Amino acid sequence: MAELVVLNGSSMIARSVVSAHLAKNVGKYASVKLIDARPYRQSVYNWQRSLEGVHLNKHLARNVQSIELGLQGAQEALYFTHDYVTMSSDKNAHLLAASRLAKKHGIKNFVAVCPFEHDLAWSEDDKNFVEKTRDAEDESL
């Protein structure tokens, strides 16, 4: 069985999407590696208990080096726009860095899920943030 790597997956939106993905792919994944700046939230422990038969490996990541370490050996990765407004100066740069690392490590299936609600929480440029987000998503492709 495979391991699913999830970047920034501790938010409620991300946990719900990953749970639905696991439910549709019962038996495919032995474990989920959660690479996140806050993988030890109480809500993550509650989620962990609900993952029947799937082991959750929490990987603390607060810089590019720790994200890269977490991605090593991955075949499939789900990237979520994070919901932290104080831990990253630019969400678009974070997406681009993650996509470049996925390419560098030969990850065969890298899917980015960018909930608009996370973008609305904060932006460096209130006037053009939607346009800049789309540009970053296009560049990461």
Protein backbone atom coordinates (compact mmCIF):
# COMPACT_ATOMS: atom_id res chain seq x y z
CA MET A 1 0.00 0.00 0.00
CA ALA A 2 1.09 3.54 -0.71
CA GLU A 3 1.63 6.62 1.41
CA LEU A 4 -0.23 9.83 0.61
CA VAL A 5 1.75 12.97 1.35
CA VAL A 6 -0.33 16.01 2.32
CA LEU A 7 1.16 19.50 2.57
CA ASN A 8 -0.65 22.05 4.75
CA GLY A 9 -3.33 19.53 5.54
CA SER A 10 -4.26 20.37 9.11
CA SER A 11 -7.02 22.87 8.28
CA MET A 12 -10.65 21.81 8.47
CA ILE A 13 -11.04 22.10 4.69
CA ALA A 14 -7.94 20.00 4.01
CA ARG A 15 -8.84 17.32 6.57
CA SER A 16 -12.31 16.99 5.03
CA VAL A 17 -10.95 16.66 1.49
CA VAL A 18 -8.31 14.11 2.55
CA SER A 19 -10.91 12.09 4.48
CA ALA A 20 -13.17 12.01 1.41
CA HIS A 21 -10.22 10.97 -0.78
CA LEU A 22 -9.32 8.16 1.61
CA ALA A 23 -12.94 7.00 1.72
CA LYS A 24 -13.02 6.78 -2.09
CA ASN A 25 -9.71 4.89 -2.12
CA VAL A 26 -10.16 2.41 0.72
CA GLY A 27 -7.16 0.10 0.96
CA LYS A 28 -4.93 2.16 -1.32
CA TYR A 29 -3.06 4.04 1.42
CA ALA A 30 -1.39 2.51 4.47
CA SER A 31 -0.46 5.95 5.75
CA VAL A 32 -0.77 9.68 5.31
CA LYS A 33 2.24 11.91 5.90
CA LEU A 34 1.03 15.32 7.06
CA ILE A 35 3.65 18.00 6.32
CA ASP A 36 2.46 21.11 8.10
CA ALA A 37 3.59 24.08 10.18
CA ARG A 38 1.11 23.03 12.90
CA PRO A 39 0.61 19.26 12.68
CA TYR A 40 0.06 18.97 16.43
CA ARG A 41 -3.26 20.87 16.60
CA GLN A 42 -5.87 19.21 18.79
CA SER A 43 -8.14 18.96 15.76
CA VAL A 44 -5.47 16.92 13.97
CA TYR A 45 -5.36 14.43 16.84
CA ASN A 46 -9.15 14.16 16.70
CA TRP A 47 -8.92 13.57 12.92
CA GLN A 48 -6.16 11.01 13.44
CA ARG A 49 -8.44 8.94 15.64
CA SER A 50 -11.07 8.90 12.87
CA LEU A 51 -8.68 7.51 10.23
CA GLU A 52 -9.55 3.86 10.69
CA GLY A 53 -6.80 1.64 9.30
CA VAL A 54 -4.70 4.53 7.97
CA HIS A 55 -1.69 5.64 10.00
CA LEU A 56 -1.05 9.42 10.22
CA ASN A 57 2.61 10.51 10.31
CA LYS A 58 2.96 14.14 11.42
CA HIS A 59 5.92 16.04 9.98
CA LEU A 60 6.64 19.54 11.30
CA ALA A 61 7.64 21.84 8.45
CA ARG A 62 8.32 25.54 8.75
CA ASN A 63 10.88 26.07 5.99
CA VAL A 64 11.76 24.83 2.52
CA GLN A 65 14.34 22.36 3.82
CA SER A 66 11.87 20.62 6.11
CA ILE A 67 9.25 20.48 3.35
CA GLU A 68 11.82 18.98 1.01
CA LEU A 69 12.76 16.32 3.56
CA GLY A 70 9.11 15.43 3.95
CA LEU A 71 8.62 15.05 0.19
CA GLN A 72 11.54 12.69 -0.34
CA GLY A 73 10.34 9.35 -1.65
CA ALA A 74 6.79 10.55 -2.24
CA GLN A 75 4.86 9.32 -5.26
CA GLU A 76 1.63 11.25 -4.65
CA ALA A 77 1.16 14.56 -2.89
CA LEU A 78 -1.79 16.80 -2.13
CA TYR A 79 -0.95 20.45 -1.54
CA PHE A 80 -3.38 22.76 0.21
CA THR A 81 -3.12 26.51 0.48
CA HIS A 82 -2.34 26.92 4.15
CA ASP A 83 -4.62 28.79 6.53
CA TYR A 84 -1.86 30.47 8.53
CA VAL A 85 -1.66 34.23 8.23
CA THR A 86 1.47 34.71 10.32
CA MET A 87 3.74 31.87 9.18
CA SER A 88 4.27 32.63 5.52
CA SER A 89 4.98 35.93 3.89
CA ASP A 90 3.46 34.91 0.57
CA LYS A 91 1.12 32.00 -0.07
CA ASN A 92 1.85 32.14 -3.80
CA ALA A 93 5.58 31.74 -3.19
CA HIS A 94 4.79 28.76 -0.93
CA LEU A 95 2.80 27.09 -3.72
CA LEU A 96 5.57 27.70 -6.25
CA ALA A 97 8.23 26.33 -3.91
CA ALA A 98 6.19 23.18 -3.22
CA SER A 99 5.53 22.56 -6.92
CA ARG A 100 9.23 23.00 -7.75
CA LEU A 101 10.17 20.55 -4.99
CA ALA A 102 7.61 18.06 -6.29
CA LYS A 103 9.15 18.29 -9.75
CA LYS A 104 12.68 17.99 -8.33
CA HIS A 105 11.76 14.81 -6.45
CA GLY A 106 9.88 13.27 -9.38
CA ILE A 107 6.51 13.12 -7.64
CA LYS A 108 4.22 11.53 -10.21
CA ASN A 109 0.95 12.99 -8.97
CA PHE A 110 1.01 16.46 -7.36
CA VAL A 111 -2.41 18.06 -6.87
CA ALA A 112 -2.87 21.58 -5.51
CA VAL A 113 -6.11 22.45 -3.75
CA CYS A 114 -6.36 26.18 -3.15
CA PRO A 115 -9.52 27.03 -1.19
CA PHE A 116 -10.54 30.59 -1.89
CA GLU A 117 -11.50 31.02 1.77
CA HIS A 118 -7.83 30.78 2.75
CA ASP A 119 -6.89 33.52 0.28
CA LEU A 120 -9.54 35.86 1.66
CA ALA A 121 -8.00 35.70 5.13
CA TRP A 122 -4.99 37.72 4.11
CA SER A 123 -3.22 39.06 1.06
CA GLU A 124 -0.11 41.11 0.46
CA ASP A 125 -1.90 43.07 -2.24
CA ASP A 126 -5.59 43.62 -1.53
CA LYS A 127 -6.20 45.05 -5.01
CA ASN A 128 -4.67 42.31 -7.15
CA PHE A 129 -4.52 39.20 -4.98
CA VAL A 130 -6.87 37.11 -7.14
CA GLU A 131 -4.85 37.91 -10.26
CA LYS A 132 -1.55 37.15 -8.48
CA THR A 133 -2.94 33.88 -7.13
CA ARG A 134 -3.98 32.79 -10.62
CA ASP A 135 -0.54 33.73 -11.96
CA ALA A 136 1.16 31.64 -9.26
CA GLU A 137 -1.14 28.68 -9.93
CA ASP A 138 -0.39 28.92 -13.68
CA GLU A 139 3.36 29.11 -13.03
CA SER A 140 3.28 26.14 -10.69
CA LEU A 141 1.59 24.07 -13.41
